[in-house]
Amino acid sequence: MSGMMLIAVAAISLGLAALGCLLWALSSGQYDDPDGAAARILLDDDEDK
């Protein structure tokens, strides 16, 4: 039964770590402009050369 307890603790801690990463990404503004990068690739930057 100790093996099952180890797996359960590992799964819970990995889930909490993933939740922490998601909350950090949300609070740091990673998802503020999801369409900006998709539109930015279409811009022509050859004018600078």
PDB file of N, CA and C in Angstrom:
ATOM      1  N   MET A   1       0.814  -1.194   0.000  1.00  0.00           N
ATOM      2  CA  MET A   1       0.000   0.000   0.000  1.00  0.00           C
ATOM      3  C   MET A   1       0.859   1.259   0.000  1.00  0.00           C
ATOM      4  N   SER A   2       2.107   1.147   0.421  1.00  0.00           N
ATOM      5  CA  SER A   2       2.959   2.332   0.474  1.00  0.00           C
ATOM      6  C   SER A   2       3.312   2.815  -0.942  1.00  0.00           C
ATOM      7  N   GLY A   3       3.328   1.898  -1.900  1.00  0.00           N
ATOM      8  CA  GLY A   3       3.584   2.293  -3.282  1.00  0.00           C
ATOM      9  C   GLY A   3       2.450   3.142  -3.840  1.00  0.00           C
ATOM     10  N   MET A   4       1.236   2.764  -3.527  1.00  0.00           N
ATOM     11  CA  MET A   4       0.076   3.544  -3.958  1.00  0.00           C
ATOM     12  C   MET A   4       0.074   4.916  -3.301  1.00  0.00           C
ATOM     13  N   MET A   5       0.485   4.983  -2.047  1.00  0.00           N
ATOM     14  CA  MET A   5       0.544   6.267  -1.351  1.00  0.00           C
ATOM     15  C   MET A   5       1.611   7.169  -1.967  1.00  0.00           C
ATOM     16  N   LEU A   6       2.712   6.596  -2.360  1.00  0.00           N
ATOM     17  CA  LEU A   6       3.777   7.359  -3.008  1.00  0.00           C
ATOM     18  C   LEU A   6       3.307   7.903  -4.359  1.00  0.00           C
ATOM     19  N   ILE A   7       2.609   7.079  -5.120  1.00  0.00           N
ATOM     20  CA  ILE A   7       2.095   7.523  -6.417  1.00  0.00           C
ATOM     21  C   ILE A   7       1.055   8.624  -6.230  1.00  0.00           C
ATOM     22  N   ALA A   8       0.185   8.484  -5.227  1.00  0.00           N
ATOM     23  CA  ALA A   8      -0.840   9.494  -4.974  1.00  0.00           C
ATOM     24  C   ALA A   8      -0.210  10.821  -4.561  1.00  0.00           C
ATOM     25  N   VAL A   9       0.782  10.777  -3.716  1.00  0.00           N
ATOM     26  CA  VAL A   9       1.468  12.003  -3.284  1.00  0.00           C
ATOM     27  C   VAL A   9       2.202  12.648  -4.453  1.00  0.00           C
ATOM     28  N   ALA A  10       2.819  11.842  -5.299  1.00  0.00           N
ATOM     29  CA  ALA A  10       3.521  12.380  -6.465  1.00  0.00           C
ATOM     30  C   ALA A  10       2.533  13.020  -7.440  1.00  0.00           C
ATOM     31  N   ALA A  11       1.381  12.395  -7.651  1.00  0.00           N
ATOM     32  CA  ALA A  11       0.390  12.948  -8.567  1.00  0.00           C
ATOM     33  C   ALA A  11      -0.185  14.254  -8.030  1.00  0.00           C
ATOM     34  N   ILE A  12      -0.459  14.311  -6.759  1.00  0.00           N
ATOM     35  CA  ILE A  12      -0.990  15.543  -6.159  1.00  0.00           C
ATOM     36  C   ILE A  12       0.040  16.656  -6.206  1.00  0.00           C
ATOM     37  N   SER A  13       1.288  16.347  -5.917  1.00  0.00           N
ATOM     38  CA  SER A  13       2.310  17.399  -5.933  1.00  0.00           C
ATOM     39  C   SER A  13       2.590  17.879  -7.360  1.00  0.00           C
ATOM     40  N   LEU A  14       2.562  16.998  -8.344  1.00  0.00           N
ATOM     41  CA  LEU A  14       2.736  17.433  -9.726  1.00  0.00           C
ATOM     42  C   LEU A  14       1.550  18.274 -10.191  1.00  0.00           C
ATOM     43  N   GLY A  15       0.353  17.899  -9.763  1.00  0.00           N
ATOM     44  CA  GLY A  15      -0.824  18.691 -10.097  1.00  0.00           C
ATOM     45  C   GLY A  15      -0.769  20.075  -9.473  1.00  0.00           C
ATOM     46  N   LEU A  16      -0.334  20.159  -8.231  1.00  0.00           N
ATOM     47  CA  LEU A  16      -0.199  21.464  -7.580  1.00  0.00           C
ATOM     48  C   LEU A  16       0.889  22.303  -8.231  1.00  0.00           C
ATOM     49  N   ALA A  17       1.970  21.663  -8.666  1.00  0.00           N
ATOM     50  CA  ALA A  17       3.028  22.395  -9.360  1.00  0.00           C
ATOM     51  C   ALA A  17       2.521  22.953 -10.693  1.00  0.00           C
ATOM     52  N   ALA A  18       1.740  22.157 -11.422  1.00  0.00           N
ATOM     53  CA  ALA A  18       1.181  22.629 -12.683  1.00  0.00           C
ATOM     54  C   ALA A  18       0.191  23.764 -12.446  1.00  0.00           C
ATOM     55  N   LEU A  19      -0.609  23.661 -11.400  1.00  0.00           N
ATOM     56  CA  LEU A  19      -1.537  24.736 -11.063  1.00  0.00           C
ATOM     57  C   LEU A  19      -0.776  26.006 -10.690  1.00  0.00           C
ATOM     58  N   GLY A  20       0.320  25.862  -9.962  1.00  0.00           N
ATOM     59  CA  GLY A  20       1.150  27.011  -9.612  1.00  0.00           C
ATOM     60  C   GLY A  20       1.747  27.678 -10.846  1.00  0.00           C
ATOM     61  N   CYS A  21       2.193  26.871 -11.808  1.00  0.00           N
ATOM     62  CA  CYS A  21       2.734  27.427 -13.058  1.00  0.00           C
ATOM     63  C   CYS A  21       1.654  28.152 -13.848  1.00  0.00           C
ATOM     64  N   LEU A  22       0.455  27.606 -13.877  1.00  0.00           N
ATOM     65  CA  LEU A  22      -0.642  28.258 -14.579  1.00  0.00           C
ATOM     66  C   LEU A  22      -0.998  29.580 -13.925  1.00  0.00           C
ATOM     67  N   LEU A  23      -1.086  29.596 -12.608  1.00  0.00           N
ATOM     68  CA  LEU A  23      -1.413  30.837 -11.907  1.00  0.00           C
ATOM     69  C   LEU A  23      -0.321  31.882 -12.084  1.00  0.00           C
ATOM     70  N   TRP A  24       0.941  31.453 -12.099  1.00  0.00           N
ATOM     71  CA  TRP A  24       2.042  32.391 -12.332  1.00  0.00           C
ATOM     72  C   TRP A  24       1.946  32.988 -13.739  1.00  0.00           C
ATOM     73  N   ALA A  25       1.653  32.138 -14.722  1.00  0.00           N
ATOM     74  CA  ALA A  25       1.548  32.622 -16.101  1.00  0.00           C
ATOM     75  C   ALA A  25       0.387  33.595 -16.251  1.00  0.00           C
ATOM     76  N   LEU A  26      -0.711  33.329 -15.589  1.00  0.00           N
ATOM     77  CA  LEU A  26      -1.852  34.239 -15.658  1.00  0.00           C
ATOM     78  C   LEU A  26      -1.542  35.577 -15.007  1.00  0.00           C
ATOM     79  N   SER A  27      -0.859  35.541 -13.871  1.00  0.00           N
ATOM     80  CA  SER A  27      -0.587  36.794 -13.157  1.00  0.00           C
ATOM     81  C   SER A  27       0.531  37.600 -13.804  1.00  0.00           C
ATOM     82  N   SER A  28       1.414  36.962 -14.567  1.00  0.00           N
ATOM     83  CA  SER A  28       2.512  37.700 -15.196  1.00  0.00           C
ATOM     84  C   SER A  28       2.150  38.222 -16.581  1.00  0.00           C
ATOM     85  N   GLY A  29       0.923  37.955 -17.045  1.00  0.00           N
ATOM     86  CA  GLY A  29       0.475  38.528 -18.301  1.00  0.00           C
ATOM     87  C   GLY A  29       0.833  37.726 -19.531  1.00  0.00           C
ATOM     88  N   GLN A  30       1.045  36.437 -19.396  1.00  0.00           N
ATOM     89  CA  GLN A  30       1.415  35.612 -20.546  1.00  0.00           C
ATOM     90  C   GLN A  30       0.275  35.471 -21.551  1.00  0.00           C
ATOM     91  N   TYR A  31      -0.959  35.637 -21.097  1.00  0.00           N
ATOM     92  CA  TYR A  31      -2.119  35.429 -21.965  1.00  0.00           C
ATOM     93  C   TYR A  31      -2.858  36.727 -22.255  1.00  0.00           C
ATOM     94  N   ASP A  32      -2.198  37.864 -22.129  1.00  0.00           N
ATOM     95  CA  ASP A  32      -2.863  39.144 -22.348  1.00  0.00           C
ATOM     96  C   ASP A  32      -3.194  39.393 -23.816  1.00  0.00           C
ATOM     97  N   ASP A  33      -2.327  38.989 -24.729  1.00  0.00           N
ATOM     98  CA  ASP A  33      -2.523  39.260 -26.147  1.00  0.00           C
ATOM     99  C   ASP A  33      -2.287  37.992 -26.966  1.00  0.00           C
ATOM    100  N   PRO A  34      -3.237  37.051 -26.956  1.00  0.00           N
ATOM    101  CA  PRO A  34      -2.999  35.801 -27.669  1.00  0.00           C
ATOM    102  C   PRO A  34      -3.029  35.954 -29.187  1.00  0.00           C
ATOM    103  N   ASP A  35      -3.706  36.987 -29.718  1.00  0.00           N
ATOM    104  CA  ASP A  35      -3.776  37.161 -31.165  1.00  0.00           C
ATOM    105  C   ASP A  35      -2.638  38.015 -31.710  1.00  0.00           C
ATOM    106  N   GLY A  36      -1.895  38.669 -30.853  1.00  0.00           N
ATOM    107  CA  GLY A  36      -0.827  39.559 -31.303  1.00  0.00           C
ATOM    108  C   GLY A  36       0.295  38.825 -32.016  1.00  0.00           C
ATOM    109  N   ALA A  37       0.714  37.702 -31.480  1.00  0.00           N
ATOM    110  CA  ALA A  37       1.804  36.955 -32.104  1.00  0.00           C
ATOM    111  C   ALA A  37       1.370  36.354 -33.435  1.00  0.00           C
ATOM    112  N   ALA A  38       0.116  35.958 -33.523  1.00  0.00           N
ATOM    113  CA  ALA A  38      -0.372  35.380 -34.778  1.00  0.00           C
ATOM    114  C   ALA A  38      -0.429  36.438 -35.879  1.00  0.00           C
ATOM    115  N   ALA A  39      -0.763  37.665 -35.537  1.00  0.00           N
ATOM    116  CA  ALA A  39      -0.828  38.729 -36.535  1.00  0.00           C
ATOM    117  C   ALA A  39       0.554  39.315 -36.815  1.00  0.00           C
ATOM    118  N   ARG A  40       1.430  39.273 -35.848  1.00  0.00           N
ATOM    119  CA  ARG A  40       2.763  39.859 -35.996  1.00  0.00           C
ATOM    120  C   ARG A  40       3.607  39.118 -37.022  1.00  0.00           C
ATOM    121  N   ILE A  41       3.360  37.828 -37.207  1.00  0.00           N
ATOM    122  CA  ILE A  41       4.155  37.064 -38.162  1.00  0.00           C
ATOM    123  C   ILE A  41       3.831  37.459 -39.598  1.00  0.00           C
ATOM    124  N   LEU A  42       2.671  38.063 -39.810  1.00  0.00           N
ATOM    125  CA  LEU A  42       2.277  38.470 -41.160  1.00  0.00           C
ATOM    126  C   LEU A  42       2.849  39.826 -41.555  1.00  0.00           C
ATOM    127  N   LEU A  43       3.395  40.573 -40.621  1.00  0.00           N
ATOM    128  CA  LEU A  43       3.948  41.882 -40.921  1.00  0.00           C
ATOM    129  C   LEU A  43       5.238  41.749 -41.715  1.00  0.00           C
ATOM    130  N   ASP A  44       5.453  42.665 -42.617  1.00  0.00           N
ATOM    131  CA  ASP A  44       6.642  42.643 -43.455  1.00  0.00           C
ATOM    132  C   ASP A  44       7.708  43.537 -42.825  1.00  0.00           C
ATOM    133  N   ASP A  45       8.802  42.949 -42.395  1.00  0.00           N
ATOM    134  CA  ASP A  45       9.863  43.686 -41.745  1.00  0.00           C
ATOM    135  C   ASP A  45      11.026  43.990 -42.681  1.00  0.00           C
ATOM    136  N   ASP A  46      10.842  43.824 -43.977  1.00  0.00           N
ATOM    137  CA  ASP A  46      11.916  44.076 -44.932  1.00  0.00           C
ATOM    138  C   ASP A  46      12.159  45.557 -45.167  1.00  0.00           C
ATOM    139  N   GLU A  47      11.302  46.425 -44.670  1.00  0.00           N
ATOM    140  CA  GLU A  47      11.463  47.863 -44.832  1.00  0.00           C
ATOM    141  C   GLU A  47      12.715  48.388 -44.130  1.00  0.00           C
ATOM    142  N   ASP A  48      13.117  47.719 -43.045  1.00  0.00           N
ATOM    143  CA  ASP A  48      14.260  48.183 -42.263  1.00  0.00           C
ATOM    144  C   ASP A  48      15.589  47.964 -42.993  1.00  0.00           C
ATOM    145  N   LYS A  49      15.621  47.051 -43.919  1.00  0.00           N
ATOM    146  CA  LYS A  49      16.902  46.700 -44.559  1.00  0.00           C
ATOM    147  C   LYS A  49      17.270  47.655 -45.615  1.00  0.00           C
TER     148      LYS A  49
END
